[in-house]
Protein backbone atom coordinates (compact mmCIF):
# COMPACT_ATOMS: atom_id res chain seq x y z
CA MET A 1 0.03 -0.03 -0.02
CA GLU A 2 1.20 3.47 -0.83
CA VAL A 3 2.01 5.75 2.13
CA GLN A 4 1.08 9.26 1.06
CA PHE A 5 2.01 11.23 4.04
CA ASN A 6 4.83 10.53 6.48
CA HIS A 7 7.34 11.99 8.87
CA LEU A 8 9.97 9.39 9.34
CA PHE A 9 12.86 11.34 10.78
CA THR A 10 16.13 9.58 11.50
CA HIS A 11 19.23 10.87 13.06
CA PHE A 12 22.29 8.99 11.72
CA VAL A 13 25.73 8.93 13.11
CA PHE A 14 28.42 7.53 10.94
CA THR A 15 31.85 6.90 12.32
CA THR A 16 35.14 6.63 10.45
CA LYS A 17 37.08 3.26 10.59
CA GLY A 18 39.06 3.21 13.67
CA ARG A 19 37.63 6.59 14.65
CA MET A 20 40.41 8.09 12.66
CA PRO A 21 40.10 11.88 12.09
CA TYR A 22 40.02 11.56 8.33
CA ILE A 23 37.62 14.40 7.47
CA SER A 24 39.58 17.77 7.37
CA GLU A 25 37.93 21.07 7.62
CA VAL A 26 39.20 21.89 4.23
CA HIS A 27 36.96 19.26 2.64
CA ARG A 28 34.19 19.11 5.21
CA GLU A 29 31.59 21.15 3.30
CA ARG A 30 32.28 19.35 0.05
CA ILE A 31 31.69 15.93 1.70
CA GLU A 32 28.43 17.40 3.46
CA LYS A 33 27.15 18.57 0.05
CA TYR A 34 27.77 15.27 -1.49
CA ILE A 35 26.04 13.28 1.13
CA THR A 36 23.09 15.79 1.05
CA GLY A 37 22.82 15.00 -2.64
CA ILE A 38 22.88 11.30 -2.03
CA VAL A 39 20.03 11.56 0.36
CA ASN A 40 17.90 14.05 -1.57
CA LYS A 41 18.12 12.09 -4.87
CA ARG A 42 16.37 9.12 -3.04
CA LYS A 43 13.11 10.75 -2.25
CA CYS A 44 14.37 11.66 1.16
CA LYS A 45 15.36 15.12 2.51
CA THR A 46 18.34 16.24 4.48
CA TYR A 47 17.52 18.61 7.39
CA ALA A 48 21.01 18.97 8.95
CA ILE A 49 24.38 17.50 8.50
CA TYR A 50 27.87 18.22 9.99
CA ALA A 51 31.00 16.31 9.24
CA ASN A 52 33.32 16.10 12.25
CA PRO A 53 36.91 14.85 11.69
CA GLU A 54 35.96 11.21 12.76
CA HIS A 55 32.14 11.16 12.55
CA ILE A 56 29.18 12.78 10.95
CA HIS A 57 25.66 13.65 12.16
CA LEU A 58 22.87 13.57 9.62
CA LEU A 59 19.03 14.25 10.19
CA VAL A 60 16.92 13.18 7.40
CA SER A 61 13.33 12.46 6.55
CA ARG A 62 13.02 9.05 4.78
CA ASP A 63 10.82 7.80 2.02
CA PRO A 64 8.69 5.13 3.61
CA ALA A 65 9.86 2.60 0.93
CA MET A 66 13.43 2.95 2.22
CA SER A 67 14.61 1.48 5.44
CA GLU A 68 17.32 3.08 7.62
CA LYS A 69 19.71 0.23 6.64
CA GLU A 70 19.26 0.80 2.98
CA LEU A 71 19.82 4.50 3.18
CA ALA A 72 22.70 4.04 5.39
CA ASP A 73 24.28 1.56 2.94
CA ILE A 74 23.78 3.89 0.09
CA ILE A 75 25.33 6.81 1.86
CA ALA A 76 28.36 4.84 3.09
CA GLU A 77 29.09 3.23 -0.12
CA ALA A 78 28.70 6.39 -2.27
CA SER A 79 30.49 8.72 0.10
CA GLU A 80 33.60 6.34 0.47
CA LYS A 81 33.89 6.11 -3.28
CA PHE A 82 33.52 9.87 -3.60
CA ILE A 83 36.05 10.76 -0.92
CA ASN A 84 38.72 8.16 -2.21
CA TYR A 85 38.05 9.07 -5.84
CA ASN A 86 38.69 12.82 -5.04
CA ASN A 87 41.51 12.18 -2.72
CA LEU A 88 39.92 14.10 0.11
CA THR A 89 41.99 12.09 2.79
CA ASN A 90 45.57 11.19 3.01
CA ASP A 91 44.76 7.52 3.57
CA LYS A 92 42.15 5.17 2.16
CA PHE A 93 38.69 6.36 3.73
CA LEU A 94 36.39 3.83 5.16
CA TRP A 95 33.36 4.10 7.44
CA GLN A 96 33.00 1.63 10.21
CA HIS A 97 30.79 -1.31 9.31
CA SER A 98 27.93 -0.12 11.36
CA CYS A 99 26.19 3.25 12.13
CA SER A 100 23.60 4.48 14.57
CA ALA A 101 20.13 5.62 13.57
CA PHE A 102 17.84 7.24 16.06
CA SER A 103 14.17 7.87 15.37
CA ILE A 104 13.13 11.57 16.05
CA SER A 105 9.80 13.04 16.44
CA LYS A 106 8.63 15.98 14.36
CA LYS A 107 8.54 18.04 17.54
CA HIS A 108 12.31 17.53 18.03
CA VAL A 109 13.49 18.33 14.55
CA ASP A 110 14.52 21.87 15.29
CA SER A 111 16.48 20.87 18.47
CA VAL A 112 18.12 18.12 16.72
CA CYS A 113 19.12 20.39 13.74
CA LYS A 114 20.63 22.99 16.23
CA TYR A 115 22.51 20.14 18.04
CA ILE A 116 24.07 18.98 14.64
CA TYR A 117 24.94 22.41 13.56
CA ASN A 118 26.42 23.10 17.06
CA GLN A 119 29.04 20.24 16.74
CA PRO A 120 32.08 22.21 16.86
CA GLU A 121 31.15 23.88 20.13
CA HIS A 122 29.80 20.68 21.53
CA HIS A 123 33.01 18.78 21.01
CA LYS A 124 35.08 21.36 22.72
CA THR A 125 33.74 19.87 26.05
CA GLN A 126 32.77 16.24 25.02
CA THR A 127 34.64 13.71 22.95
CA ALA A 128 32.95 11.80 20.12
CA GLU A 129 33.13 8.53 22.29
CA GLU A 130 31.46 10.35 25.32
CA GLU A 131 28.76 11.77 23.03
CA TYR A 132 28.12 8.24 21.56
CA ASN A 133 27.81 6.67 24.94
CA GLU A 134 25.45 9.39 26.05
CA PHE A 135 23.21 8.72 23.01
CA LEU A 136 23.17 4.98 23.76
CA ASN A 137 22.35 5.50 27.51
CA PHE A 138 19.57 7.93 26.52
CA TYR A 139 17.91 5.82 23.93
CA GLN A 140 18.43 2.51 25.66
CA GLU A 141 16.80 3.94 28.75
CA LYS A 142 13.85 5.13 26.72
CA ILE A 143 13.53 1.64 25.22
CA ARG A 144 13.38 -0.01 28.68
CA GLU A 145 10.70 2.24 29.98
């Protein structure tokens, strides 16, 4: 059955292989624009993206015909090829074999966008690993309730 109206918001976090700081500030925007294009060409919409040196945050609304896994696989494969083809890192670029995908309500889209765009300030006081553990603790607690 066709789903005409939907709001399937997903906050993805992709981490580089070995948490290596491969994404330089010089190429950050180019990588963000490319990933945004990947998403938007798949009947999905990018609301916010920020590429940190060792991980990216991405908030999208998904086409109901596409699962989180399908979209994550497409983003990972295409962006790895793009980054490597254009020599945007000194070493071969790879994402970790898994990413995180958190469901977001429409009510929280603005606050999650602000959070994503505030990554440089946020990571002055919290490491990527601390941030990730905080996400897991928050969402796992919500699941248990």
